Amino acid sequence: MNRKTLVLPAVAGLLTPVLAACGGADSGSKSGDAIVVGTTDRFTTTSDAPAPLDPAYAYDVGTWNILRQTVQTLMAQPKGEGEPVPDAAESCSFTDSGSERYACKLRDGLKFADGDQVTAQDVKYSIERALRIKASSGVSSLLNTIDTIETQGDREVIFHLKTADATFPYKLSTPVAGIINPKDYEKDKLRDGFEVDGSGPYSFHADVSGNAITTATFTKSPNYKGFVKVNNDKVELRSFADADAMGAAIDKGDIDVMTRTMSPAQIQKLDAGGDDKADLVDMPGLEIRYLAFNTNAPSVKSKAVRQAMAQLINRAEVVSKVYGTQAEPLYSLVPATVTGHSNSFFNKYGNPSAAKAKALLTKAGITTPVKLTLHYTTDHYGSATKKEFEVLQKQLNDSGLFDASIQGHPWDTFRPAEQKGQYDVYGMGWFPDFPDADNFLAPFLDKDNFLGSPYSNSTIQRTLIPESRREADRLNAAKSLTEIQDIVAEDVPVLPLWQGKQYVAARDDITGVAYALNSSSTLQLWELGRGVSG
C-alpha cells in the first residue's frame, strides 16, 4: 500500500488537487467492467422522507452525490476549486453592477438522457418548482434570493434577485437548481421513490431491497453536453452497512474504490501500509462537525447553559482520542481554510475551564447539574460518532456542572426528529454546498434554515448576510462574516467541534482517484478510469 497525500496550492483561501493517485498491489474487477465504488451512505425512503432523490427535497451529501451525476445544473463546481463554471449553460454572468440580475444562455442542442430537448422553460420550471414546494429539508433556502425568473426564447434564462448575491453562481451549481423534465416531475408534488431523470453525465438505475438502495448504477449518457469529460462507461455505487464490510469488499476485489465513510482505525491501517490491496489518498476537505441546540427547549433555552458547554468542551481531546490526525479542532462554523474564517469561539472562551463555566451558570441563576441528553446519528457520519459523544459526555459530566446522557438513532429517524424539534441537543455534520463562508453561516442562521432551528438574529439576517453577499471580492466580505461568527460565539445556537480531512482508497488499476472528491465532498465519478497508473 502506497499512501498518496495531496500537497495542494492555496487558491483564494482554498486548496486545489494537483496529483493523480496510484494504486497498490492487486486489481479489482476486470477491465471493461463497471467501476465499483463503495460507500456507507444509506439511501432509504420513509414515511417522513418518501422522496429522498427529488432535487426539490434532497439535502445531504449522500443524495446530492447521486444527483450531481445525473441532474445537470446551469453552473458546476470545477475539477479542483475556484469559481463555478458553465455546465448546462454556455455562459452565465451578472449583467448589472449590483449583482442583482444574472443571465444564462443554454448550450445549443442540450438534451435530457431520454432525448427530450432541454429548454429555458425547463430551467424556470425546475427552480420555481423547488421554491414552490419549499420542502421540509430546507434546501429551497439556497434559492431564497430569487425574486423572478424570466426566459427569452428556448435558450436564455434571466434571474432577477431580491438583493445582491455574489454567491448566486455557486447556488446555481447545487442540485436544488438541477434541471428536470416537467413530464417526470409534478409541479406541486415531490417525486416519491428512487427514480431520477436529468441531462447530466449519467443515466441512473437503482437496485432496491425493501425501502433502501443496495446498488446505484450510473451509465454514461450519450446525450450529455457540458464541461465534464466522462472517463468511464459505467459506475456502480454500492451501499455497505459499515466501514468494515466495505473494507472487506475492496480486499476481495468486489469493489474498486472506497469513499465515505471509512473508520479512523481503517484509515490508520491504510496509512501505515497495513493493507496491500488498496492505496489511500487523503486530501483537504471542508467537512465540519458541530452540536446544534433547540434554543426553545427548557434544558438549553438559557444562553448561559450553551455558553457553559462552549466553555467546557475540549475539542483537542475529542480529536486526539477519536480522530487523531484525521481532524483538527474548529472554533467557528467556517473552516480555517476558507476565506472569512475567524476563531470566534476561541477568542471568546479560550481554553476549556470548569471554573469559568461554573461562573457563567451561577451568574444566570442556573441550578446544577444541568440534566440533558446529547443525541447523535448511528449510521450517517461513521462508526466513530458514538465514541466522540462518549468523550463529550464525559467532559461535561466530569465538570460536575452537567448530568449528560447520550442516545444514538439511525439517520432515517434522527433527521426528521431533529427537524421537528424533538432533540434539545444533537450532533450534526456539514459538507458545504459550495466552498464559500456564506454557506457555512446562512444555512444555519438565515430564515427557513435547514436545521429548522428557532434561533433568529435580526442583525445577522437583515444586515450582515446581505452585506456579505454584496461583495464579489470575498476578502471584502470578511468584516461582515467575522461579525456573524462573533454573534454565534456569543449566543451559541450551534457549537462547532472539528473539521476533517477526507479520504479515498482505491485498487491499483483505478485512475483519477485524486479528483474523485472535491473539497465539498462531492463525488465526481466521471473522473474515475481504469488503467494502471503510478
Protein backbone atom coordinates (compact mmCIF):
# COMPACT_ATOMS: atom_id res chain seq x y z
CA MET A 1 0.00 0.00 0.00
CA ASN A 2 1.34 3.40 -1.01
CA ARG A 3 -0.21 6.40 0.61
CA LYS A 4 -0.75 9.46 -1.57
CA THR A 5 -1.04 12.71 0.32
CA LEU A 6 -2.16 15.61 -1.81
CA VAL A 7 0.09 18.62 -1.30
CA LEU A 8 -2.05 21.36 -2.73
CA PRO A 9 -1.51 25.04 -3.54
CA ALA A 10 -3.75 27.62 -1.87
CA VAL A 11 -6.13 29.44 -4.17
CA ALA A 12 -8.39 32.15 -2.75
CA GLY A 13 -8.20 30.61 0.69
CA LEU A 14 -8.98 27.11 -0.58
CA LEU A 15 -6.96 24.19 -1.89
CA THR A 16 -6.78 22.63 -5.33
CA PRO A 17 -5.88 18.97 -6.13
CA VAL A 18 -2.84 18.51 -8.35
CA LEU A 19 -1.92 14.83 -8.07
CA ALA A 20 -3.38 11.68 -9.57
CA ALA A 21 -3.49 8.56 -7.44
CA CYS A 22 -1.52 5.39 -7.90
CA GLY A 23 -2.62 2.01 -6.64
CA GLY A 24 -1.34 -0.89 -4.62
CA ALA A 25 -0.54 -4.46 -5.40
CA ASP A 26 -3.69 -6.06 -6.73
CA SER A 27 -6.52 -5.27 -9.07
CA GLY A 28 -10.28 -5.46 -8.77
CA SER A 29 -12.89 -6.24 -11.38
CA LYS A 30 -11.69 -6.87 -14.93
CA SER A 31 -11.02 -4.14 -17.49
CA GLY A 32 -14.18 -3.07 -19.25
CA ASP A 33 -16.40 -3.84 -16.26
CA ALA A 34 -18.19 -1.12 -14.33
CA ILE A 35 -16.00 0.67 -11.81
CA VAL A 36 -17.48 -0.25 -8.44
CA VAL A 37 -17.42 2.32 -5.65
CA GLY A 38 -18.29 1.54 -2.04
CA THR A 39 -19.99 3.87 0.41
CA THR A 40 -21.57 3.59 3.84
CA ASP A 41 -24.18 6.18 2.86
CA ARG A 42 -27.68 4.76 3.12
CA PHE A 43 -30.43 5.75 0.71
CA THR A 44 -33.84 4.98 2.16
CA THR A 45 -37.45 6.01 1.80
CA THR A 46 -39.56 6.56 4.91
CA SER A 47 -42.97 7.99 5.70
CA ASP A 48 -41.21 11.21 6.71
CA ALA A 49 -38.97 11.27 3.62
CA PRO A 50 -40.64 9.35 0.75
CA ALA A 51 -38.80 11.32 -1.98
CA PRO A 52 -35.11 11.32 -0.97
CA LEU A 53 -33.77 11.85 -4.51
CA ASP A 54 -36.06 14.64 -5.66
CA PRO A 55 -33.86 17.73 -6.28
CA ALA A 56 -36.52 19.85 -4.57
CA TYR A 57 -36.07 17.79 -1.36
CA ALA A 58 -32.60 16.19 -1.22
CA TYR A 59 -30.21 17.98 1.12
CA ASP A 60 -27.43 15.74 2.35
CA VAL A 61 -24.11 14.78 0.87
CA GLY A 62 -25.15 11.22 0.00
CA THR A 63 -28.25 12.05 -2.03
CA TRP A 64 -26.53 15.02 -3.65
CA ASN A 65 -23.77 12.67 -4.77
CA ILE A 66 -26.37 10.76 -6.76
CA LEU A 67 -27.96 13.90 -8.18
CA ARG A 68 -24.68 15.51 -9.23
CA GLN A 69 -24.03 12.60 -11.59
CA THR A 70 -27.47 12.69 -13.15
CA VAL A 71 -29.23 16.06 -12.86
CA GLN A 72 -27.40 18.84 -14.67
CA THR A 73 -27.15 22.41 -13.39
CA LEU A 74 -26.51 25.66 -15.22
CA MET A 75 -23.22 26.06 -13.38
CA ALA A 76 -20.92 23.47 -11.82
CA GLN A 77 -18.03 23.38 -9.40
CA PRO A 78 -14.79 22.81 -11.32
CA LYS A 79 -12.42 19.87 -11.11
CA GLY A 80 -10.37 21.45 -8.37
CA GLU A 81 -11.72 24.60 -6.75
CA GLY A 82 -12.30 28.19 -7.76
CA GLU A 83 -15.22 29.96 -9.35
CA PRO A 84 -18.08 27.82 -10.74
CA VAL A 85 -18.03 27.17 -14.47
CA PRO A 86 -20.86 26.80 -17.01
CA ASP A 87 -22.25 23.28 -17.42
CA ALA A 88 -25.74 23.19 -18.92
CA ALA A 89 -25.14 26.85 -19.65
CA GLU A 90 -22.93 28.05 -22.46
CA SER A 91 -22.37 31.24 -20.50
CA CYS A 92 -23.66 32.94 -17.34
CA SER A 93 -22.89 36.35 -15.82
CA PHE A 94 -24.22 39.23 -13.80
CA THR A 95 -25.46 41.84 -16.23
CA ASP A 96 -25.65 44.74 -13.77
CA SER A 97 -23.22 46.40 -11.39
CA GLY A 98 -25.24 45.47 -8.31
CA SER A 99 -25.19 41.64 -8.60
CA GLU A 100 -29.00 41.51 -8.82
CA ARG A 101 -29.54 40.39 -12.43
CA TYR A 102 -27.98 37.12 -13.57
CA ALA A 103 -28.37 35.88 -17.14
CA CYS A 104 -27.55 32.46 -18.59
CA LYS A 105 -27.59 31.08 -22.12
CA LEU A 106 -28.06 27.32 -22.51
CA ARG A 107 -25.77 25.20 -24.67
CA ASP A 108 -27.17 24.51 -28.11
CA GLY A 109 -28.71 21.06 -28.58
CA LEU A 110 -28.90 20.21 -24.88
CA LYS A 111 -30.95 17.05 -24.22
CA PHE A 112 -32.21 15.01 -21.31
CA ALA A 113 -30.99 11.41 -21.09
CA ASP A 114 -34.22 10.25 -22.80
CA GLY A 115 -33.58 12.51 -25.79
CA ASP A 116 -36.04 15.32 -24.97
CA GLN A 117 -34.73 18.82 -25.61
CA VAL A 118 -33.74 20.92 -22.61
CA THR A 119 -35.16 24.44 -22.80
CA ALA A 120 -35.01 27.65 -20.81
CA GLN A 121 -38.59 26.96 -19.79
CA ASP A 122 -37.45 23.68 -18.18
CA VAL A 123 -34.88 25.61 -16.13
CA LYS A 124 -37.54 28.06 -14.97
CA TYR A 125 -39.96 25.22 -14.17
CA SER A 126 -37.35 23.29 -12.19
CA ILE A 127 -36.24 26.14 -9.96
CA GLU A 128 -39.70 27.62 -9.44
CA ARG A 129 -40.91 24.13 -8.52
CA ALA A 130 -38.31 23.82 -5.75
CA LEU A 131 -39.27 27.24 -4.40
CA ARG A 132 -42.98 26.45 -4.59
CA ILE A 133 -42.73 23.07 -2.85
CA LYS A 134 -40.45 24.52 -0.15
CA ALA A 135 -39.60 21.07 1.20
CA SER A 136 -39.10 20.43 4.90
CA SER A 137 -35.41 19.68 4.29
CA GLY A 138 -34.81 23.42 3.91
CA VAL A 139 -32.91 23.05 0.65
CA SER A 140 -35.01 25.69 -1.13
CA SER A 141 -33.46 28.31 1.16
CA LEU A 142 -30.42 28.19 -1.13
CA LEU A 143 -32.57 29.90 -3.75
CA ASN A 144 -34.27 32.42 -1.48
CA THR A 145 -32.64 35.46 -3.08
CA ILE A 146 -34.53 34.79 -6.34
CA ASP A 147 -37.37 37.22 -7.00
CA THR A 148 -38.49 36.27 -10.52
CA ILE A 149 -37.21 34.14 -13.41
CA GLU A 150 -37.57 35.30 -17.00
CA THR A 151 -37.00 33.34 -20.21
CA GLN A 152 -36.23 34.69 -23.67
CA GLY A 153 -36.65 32.07 -26.37
CA ASP A 154 -35.58 28.49 -25.69
CA ARG A 155 -32.04 29.20 -24.56
CA GLU A 156 -31.94 32.31 -22.37
CA VAL A 157 -32.79 32.47 -18.65
CA ILE A 158 -32.63 35.65 -16.58
CA PHE A 159 -32.76 35.63 -12.78
CA HIS A 160 -33.92 38.80 -11.05
CA LEU A 161 -32.75 38.75 -7.44
CA LYS A 162 -34.35 40.36 -4.39
CA THR A 163 -30.99 41.57 -3.19
CA ALA A 164 -27.37 41.47 -4.30
CA ASP A 165 -25.93 37.95 -4.05
CA ALA A 166 -22.36 37.41 -5.23
CA THR A 167 -22.67 33.74 -4.24
CA PHE A 168 -25.57 33.12 -6.63
CA PRO A 169 -23.43 31.40 -9.33
CA TYR A 170 -22.40 28.86 -6.68
CA LYS A 171 -26.03 28.26 -5.75
CA LEU A 172 -26.87 27.51 -9.37
CA SER A 173 -24.28 24.71 -9.17
CA THR A 174 -26.19 22.86 -6.43
CA PRO A 175 -28.69 20.04 -7.11
CA VAL A 176 -31.69 22.05 -5.89
CA ALA A 177 -31.14 24.13 -9.04
CA GLY A 178 -30.95 20.94 -11.14
CA ILE A 179 -32.81 20.91 -14.45
CA ILE A 180 -35.60 18.35 -14.59
CA ASN A 181 -38.09 17.36 -17.27
CA PRO A 182 -41.60 18.59 -16.39
CA LYS A 183 -43.08 15.35 -17.73
CA ASP A 184 -41.23 13.41 -14.99
CA TYR A 185 -41.74 15.75 -12.04
CA GLU A 186 -45.12 17.17 -11.00
CA LYS A 187 -45.36 20.90 -10.45
CA ASP A 188 -46.52 20.85 -6.83
CA LYS A 189 -45.58 17.37 -5.58
CA LEU A 190 -42.34 15.60 -4.77
CA ARG A 191 -41.42 12.52 -6.81
CA ASP A 192 -41.51 9.59 -4.40
CA GLY A 193 -39.10 6.68 -4.59
CA PHE A 194 -35.72 6.30 -6.25
CA GLU A 195 -36.22 7.39 -9.85
CA VAL A 196 -34.01 10.20 -11.16
CA ASP A 197 -34.01 11.71 -14.64
CA GLY A 198 -31.94 14.59 -15.94
CA SER A 199 -29.41 15.77 -18.52
CA GLY A 200 -26.26 15.02 -16.53
CA PRO A 201 -23.26 12.86 -17.44
CA TYR A 202 -25.04 9.63 -16.46
CA SER A 203 -28.43 8.00 -16.50
CA PHE A 204 -29.40 6.25 -13.29
CA HIS A 205 -30.87 2.96 -12.15
CA ALA A 206 -31.38 1.82 -8.55
CA ASP A 207 -31.47 -1.76 -7.28
CA VAL A 208 -33.70 -1.66 -4.23
CA SER A 209 -34.26 -4.04 -1.34
CA GLY A 210 -37.17 -3.12 0.90
CA ASN A 211 -37.02 0.64 1.27
CA ALA A 212 -33.29 1.05 0.56
CA ILE A 213 -30.96 1.25 -2.44
CA THR A 214 -28.39 -1.54 -2.48
CA THR A 215 -26.65 -0.57 -5.74
CA ALA A 216 -26.93 2.59 -7.80
CA THR A 217 -25.80 2.17 -11.40
CA PHE A 218 -24.63 5.16 -13.42
CA THR A 219 -24.40 4.66 -17.19
CA LYS A 220 -22.71 7.23 -19.41
CA SER A 221 -25.30 9.32 -21.23
CA PRO A 222 -24.74 9.75 -24.99
CA ASN A 223 -26.78 12.99 -24.88
CA TYR A 224 -24.73 14.83 -22.27
CA LYS A 225 -23.24 18.17 -23.23
CA GLY A 226 -21.33 20.03 -20.56
CA PHE A 227 -17.92 20.84 -19.13
CA VAL A 228 -17.31 17.34 -17.70
CA LYS A 229 -15.20 14.76 -19.52
CA VAL A 230 -16.55 11.30 -18.62
CA ASN A 231 -13.68 8.79 -18.30
CA ASN A 232 -15.75 5.62 -17.97
CA ASP A 233 -18.86 3.98 -19.37
CA LYS A 234 -20.41 2.75 -16.15
CA VAL A 235 -20.02 3.13 -12.38
CA GLU A 236 -21.78 1.18 -9.64
CA LEU A 237 -22.20 2.73 -6.20
CA ARG A 238 -22.74 0.03 -3.58
CA SER A 239 -24.03 0.77 -0.11
CA PHE A 240 -22.48 -1.09 2.84
CA ALA A 241 -23.69 -1.42 6.42
CA ASP A 242 -20.37 -0.23 7.85
CA ALA A 243 -16.75 0.56 7.05
CA ASP A 244 -15.52 -2.94 7.94
CA ALA A 245 -17.85 -4.55 5.40
CA MET A 246 -16.74 -2.02 2.80
CA GLY A 247 -13.07 -2.70 3.58
CA ALA A 248 -13.57 -6.46 3.25
CA ALA A 249 -15.16 -5.88 -0.15
CA ILE A 250 -12.19 -3.95 -1.52
CA ASP A 251 -9.79 -6.60 -0.19
CA LYS A 252 -11.75 -9.31 -2.02
CA GLY A 253 -11.89 -7.28 -5.23
CA ASP A 254 -15.67 -6.86 -5.06
CA ILE A 255 -15.27 -3.08 -5.23
CA ASP A 256 -12.58 -0.88 -6.74
CA VAL A 257 -12.89 2.28 -4.64
CA MET A 258 -13.86 3.14 -1.05
CA THR A 259 -15.26 6.57 -0.24
CA ARG A 260 -17.04 7.94 2.80
CA THR A 261 -17.07 6.90 5.48
CA MET A 262 -14.02 4.87 6.42
CA SER A 263 -13.41 4.40 10.13
CA PRO A 264 -10.45 6.11 11.87
CA ALA A 265 -8.91 2.69 12.55
CA GLN A 266 -9.28 1.71 8.92
CA ILE A 267 -7.62 4.91 7.75
CA GLN A 268 -4.78 4.43 10.23
CA LYS A 269 -4.21 0.90 8.95
CA LEU A 270 -4.13 2.01 5.33
CA ASP A 271 -1.88 4.94 6.21
CA ALA A 272 0.60 2.64 7.93
CA GLY A 273 0.78 0.30 4.95
CA GLY A 274 -1.27 -2.40 6.62
CA ASP A 275 -3.28 -3.26 3.52
CA ASP A 276 -1.60 -4.32 0.26
CA LYS A 277 -4.91 -4.38 -1.62
CA ALA A 278 -5.62 -0.66 -1.69
CA ASP A 279 -3.95 2.75 -1.70
CA LEU A 280 -5.06 5.61 0.50
CA VAL A 281 -5.42 9.13 -0.88
CA ASP A 282 -6.02 11.92 1.61
CA MET A 283 -6.97 15.40 0.58
CA PRO A 284 -8.17 18.62 2.15
CA GLY A 285 -11.84 18.71 2.99
CA LEU A 286 -14.33 21.20 4.34
CA GLU A 287 -16.41 18.80 6.43
CA ILE A 288 -17.28 20.14 9.86
CA ARG A 289 -19.00 18.64 12.92
CA TYR A 290 -20.95 20.58 15.49
CA LEU A 291 -23.54 20.42 18.24
CA ALA A 292 -26.87 22.11 17.49
CA PHE A 293 -29.42 23.33 20.00
CA ASN A 294 -33.17 23.65 20.05
CA THR A 295 -32.95 27.07 21.67
CA ASN A 296 -36.62 26.87 22.74
CA ALA A 297 -36.07 23.66 24.75
CA PRO A 298 -36.15 24.20 28.54
CA SER A 299 -32.81 22.48 29.22
CA VAL A 300 -30.82 24.75 26.87
CA LYS A 301 -33.09 27.79 26.47
CA SER A 302 -30.80 29.84 28.68
CA LYS A 303 -27.84 31.16 26.73
CA ALA A 304 -25.72 30.61 29.83
CA VAL A 305 -26.16 26.82 29.56
CA ARG A 306 -25.00 26.83 25.96
CA GLN A 307 -22.11 29.16 26.81
CA ALA A 308 -21.07 26.89 29.67
CA MET A 309 -20.92 23.95 27.28
CA ALA A 310 -18.79 26.04 24.91
CA GLN A 311 -16.52 26.87 27.83
CA LEU A 312 -16.17 23.22 28.93
CA ILE A 313 -15.77 21.19 25.75
CA ASN A 314 -12.18 20.29 24.94
CA ARG A 315 -12.03 19.96 21.17
CA ALA A 316 -8.37 18.92 21.15
CA GLU A 317 -9.16 15.96 23.42
CA VAL A 318 -12.11 14.91 21.23
CA VAL A 319 -9.90 14.98 18.15
CA SER A 320 -6.93 13.21 19.73
CA LYS A 321 -8.97 10.44 21.36
CA VAL A 322 -11.27 9.74 18.42
CA TYR A 323 -9.86 11.00 15.12
CA GLY A 324 -6.14 11.63 15.58
CA THR A 325 -4.53 13.35 12.59
CA GLN A 326 -7.73 12.95 10.58
CA ALA A 327 -9.31 16.08 12.08
CA GLU A 328 -8.49 19.43 13.67
CA PRO A 329 -10.28 21.44 16.38
CA LEU A 330 -12.65 24.05 14.96
CA TYR A 331 -13.55 27.34 16.66
CA SER A 332 -16.08 28.65 14.16
CA LEU A 333 -18.65 27.29 11.75
CA VAL A 334 -16.35 28.48 8.95
CA PRO A 335 -13.36 26.13 8.42
CA ALA A 336 -9.88 27.54 8.85
CA THR A 337 -9.03 27.17 5.14
CA VAL A 338 -11.99 29.24 3.90
CA THR A 339 -11.72 32.98 3.29
CA GLY A 340 -13.56 34.81 6.06
CA HIS A 341 -12.78 32.33 8.86
CA SER A 342 -12.42 33.69 12.38
CA ASN A 343 -11.54 31.80 15.57
CA SER A 344 -14.52 33.41 17.31
CA PHE A 345 -15.15 30.67 19.89
CA PHE A 346 -11.51 30.56 20.98
CA ASN A 347 -11.38 34.34 21.12
CA LYS A 348 -14.38 34.37 23.47
CA TYR A 349 -13.82 31.26 25.61
CA GLY A 350 -10.11 30.48 25.36
CA ASN A 351 -9.03 27.14 26.82
CA PRO A 352 -11.59 24.82 28.49
CA SER A 353 -12.31 25.87 32.08
CA ALA A 354 -14.78 24.37 34.54
CA ALA A 355 -14.37 27.39 36.81
CA LYS A 356 -15.39 29.81 34.07
CA ALA A 357 -18.29 27.57 33.06
CA LYS A 358 -19.50 27.46 36.67
CA ALA A 359 -19.32 31.25 36.87
CA LEU A 360 -21.49 31.58 33.77
CA LEU A 361 -24.16 29.27 35.22
CA THR A 362 -24.04 30.85 38.68
CA LYS A 363 -24.44 34.37 37.29
CA ALA A 364 -27.52 33.24 35.33
CA GLY A 365 -29.01 31.50 38.38
CA ILE A 366 -28.91 28.05 36.76
CA THR A 367 -29.17 25.10 39.17
CA THR A 368 -26.52 22.45 38.58
CA PRO A 369 -26.04 19.80 37.48
CA VAL A 370 -27.94 20.62 34.29
CA LYS A 371 -29.63 17.46 33.03
CA LEU A 372 -29.67 16.94 29.27
CA THR A 373 -29.34 14.30 26.53
CA LEU A 374 -26.94 14.53 23.61
CA HIS A 375 -28.42 12.86 20.52
CA TYR A 376 -26.34 11.53 17.62
CA THR A 377 -26.89 9.50 14.48
CA THR A 378 -25.51 5.98 14.46
CA ASP A 379 -25.13 5.41 10.72
CA HIS A 380 -24.59 8.66 8.84
CA TYR A 381 -21.21 10.12 9.84
CA GLY A 382 -19.29 6.94 10.52
CA SER A 383 -18.75 4.49 13.32
CA ALA A 384 -16.59 6.88 15.38
CA THR A 385 -19.54 9.14 16.17
CA LYS A 386 -20.55 7.11 19.23
CA LYS A 387 -17.05 7.33 20.71
CA GLU A 388 -17.00 11.07 20.02
CA PHE A 389 -20.19 11.53 22.00
CA GLU A 390 -18.89 9.38 24.83
CA VAL A 391 -15.93 11.75 25.12
CA LEU A 392 -18.22 14.81 25.04
CA GLN A 393 -20.47 13.26 27.69
CA LYS A 394 -17.51 12.57 29.98
CA GLN A 395 -16.16 16.09 29.59
CA LEU A 396 -19.48 17.64 30.57
CA ASN A 397 -20.13 15.27 33.47
CA ASP A 398 -16.60 15.40 34.89
CA SER A 399 -17.12 19.13 35.45
CA GLY A 400 -19.91 18.38 37.94
CA LEU A 401 -21.99 21.04 36.18
CA PHE A 402 -23.90 18.69 33.86
CA ASP A 403 -25.71 15.38 34.09
CA ALA A 404 -25.50 14.41 30.42
CA SER A 405 -26.60 11.20 28.77
CA ILE A 406 -26.19 10.19 25.13
CA GLN A 407 -28.58 8.48 22.76
CA GLY A 408 -27.99 7.23 19.21
CA HIS A 409 -30.54 6.98 16.40
CA PRO A 410 -30.45 5.80 12.77
CA TRP A 411 -30.38 8.68 10.29
CA ASP A 412 -33.80 7.95 8.81
CA THR A 413 -35.40 8.69 12.19
CA PHE A 414 -32.77 11.11 13.55
CA ARG A 415 -33.11 13.73 10.80
CA PRO A 416 -36.93 14.03 10.88
CA ALA A 417 -36.92 14.15 14.69
CA GLU A 418 -34.29 16.89 14.69
CA GLN A 419 -36.27 18.93 12.16
CA LYS A 420 -39.39 18.64 14.33
CA GLY A 421 -37.53 19.99 17.36
CA GLN A 422 -37.63 16.72 19.30
CA TYR A 423 -33.98 16.92 20.44
CA ASP A 424 -32.64 19.61 22.79
CA VAL A 425 -29.01 18.97 21.82
CA TYR A 426 -27.85 16.95 18.83
CA GLY A 427 -24.77 16.31 16.73
CA MET A 428 -24.64 17.14 13.05
CA GLY A 429 -22.11 17.33 10.25
CA TRP A 430 -21.95 19.76 7.37
CA PHE A 431 -20.49 19.20 3.93
CA PRO A 432 -20.72 22.55 2.17
CA ASP A 433 -22.97 23.11 -0.80
CA PHE A 434 -20.21 25.31 -2.20
CA PRO A 435 -16.83 26.45 -0.83
CA ASP A 436 -17.67 29.92 0.45
CA ALA A 437 -18.01 31.18 4.03
CA ASP A 438 -21.63 32.18 3.32
CA ASN A 439 -22.52 28.50 3.00
CA PHE A 440 -21.21 27.74 6.50
CA LEU A 441 -23.32 30.51 8.01
CA ALA A 442 -26.53 31.30 6.13
CA PRO A 443 -27.91 27.70 6.09
CA PHE A 444 -27.80 27.69 9.92
CA LEU A 445 -28.76 31.29 10.64
CA ASP A 446 -30.97 32.63 7.86
CA LYS A 447 -34.74 32.37 7.69
CA ASP A 448 -36.01 28.86 6.90
CA ASN A 449 -32.66 27.38 7.94
CA PHE A 450 -32.10 23.73 7.18
CA LEU A 451 -31.96 22.71 10.85
CA GLY A 452 -35.42 24.12 11.49
CA SER A 453 -33.81 25.98 14.40
CA PRO A 454 -35.93 28.52 16.27
CA TYR A 455 -32.87 30.73 16.78
CA SER A 456 -33.18 34.03 14.93
CA ASN A 457 -30.96 37.09 14.97
CA SER A 458 -32.27 40.08 13.04
CA THR A 459 -28.85 41.73 12.69
CA ILE A 460 -27.47 38.60 11.03
CA GLN A 461 -30.48 38.05 8.77
CA ARG A 462 -31.30 41.61 7.76
CA THR A 463 -27.90 43.29 7.76
CA LEU A 464 -24.81 41.08 7.90
CA ILE A 465 -25.74 38.27 5.49
CA PRO A 466 -26.97 40.74 2.83
CA GLU A 467 -23.86 42.90 3.37
CA SER A 468 -21.53 39.95 2.87
CA ARG A 469 -23.31 38.89 -0.31
CA ARG A 470 -22.81 42.28 -1.95
CA GLU A 471 -19.07 41.70 -2.06
CA ALA A 472 -17.95 39.98 -5.25
CA ASP A 473 -14.41 40.00 -3.81
CA ARG A 474 -14.91 37.69 -0.86
CA LEU A 475 -11.98 39.22 1.02
CA ASN A 476 -14.06 42.39 1.26
CA ALA A 477 -16.83 40.39 2.95
CA ALA A 478 -14.58 39.42 5.87
CA LYS A 479 -15.78 42.20 8.23
CA SER A 480 -19.46 41.15 7.95
CA LEU A 481 -18.58 37.47 8.10
CA THR A 482 -16.45 37.93 11.23
CA GLU A 483 -19.24 39.82 12.96
CA ILE A 484 -21.65 36.95 12.22
CA GLN A 485 -19.20 34.45 13.70
CA ASP A 486 -18.73 36.60 16.82
CA ILE A 487 -22.51 36.72 17.37
CA VAL A 488 -22.68 32.92 17.04
CA ALA A 489 -19.93 32.56 19.66
CA GLU A 490 -21.89 34.83 21.99
CA ASP A 491 -25.34 33.24 21.50
CA VAL A 492 -24.20 29.62 20.80
CA PRO A 493 -27.14 28.37 18.71
CA VAL A 494 -24.58 25.89 17.38
CA LEU A 495 -21.25 24.77 18.82
CA PRO A 496 -18.52 23.89 16.28
CA LEU A 497 -16.28 20.96 17.22
CA TRP A 498 -13.88 19.95 14.45
CA GLN A 499 -13.10 19.96 10.75
CA GLY A 500 -11.84 16.88 8.96
CA LYS A 501 -9.81 15.63 6.07
CA GLN A 502 -11.35 13.32 3.51
CA TYR A 503 -10.09 10.03 2.20
CA VAL A 504 -10.48 7.71 -0.76
CA ALA A 505 -8.96 4.26 -1.09
CA ALA A 506 -8.62 2.50 -4.43
CA ARG A 507 -7.15 -0.58 -6.04
CA ASP A 508 -4.15 -0.28 -8.32
CA ASP A 509 -5.77 -0.05 -11.76
CA ILE A 510 -8.10 2.84 -10.96
CA THR A 511 -7.05 6.29 -12.17
CA GLY A 512 -8.37 9.74 -11.38
CA VAL A 513 -8.80 8.93 -7.68
CA ALA A 514 -7.33 12.27 -6.56
CA TYR A 515 -10.29 14.02 -8.15
CA ALA A 516 -12.97 11.54 -7.06
CA LEU A 517 -13.97 14.01 -4.33
CA ASN A 518 -13.76 17.77 -4.34
CA SER A 519 -13.37 19.84 -1.17
CA SER A 520 -17.15 19.85 -0.65
CA SER A 521 -17.10 16.02 -0.57
CA THR A 522 -18.86 15.91 -3.92
CA LEU A 523 -18.36 12.58 -5.69
CA GLN A 524 -17.07 13.13 -9.21
CA LEU A 525 -17.48 9.63 -10.59
CA TRP A 526 -16.69 10.79 -14.13
CA GLU A 527 -13.07 11.32 -13.07
CA LEU A 528 -12.51 7.60 -12.43
CA GLY A 529 -10.97 5.44 -15.12
CA ARG A 530 -9.38 2.05 -15.46
CA GLY A 531 -5.77 1.53 -16.41
CA VAL A 532 -2.52 1.04 -14.50
CA SER A 533 -1.08 4.28 -13.14
CA GLY A 534 1.84 5.06 -10.95
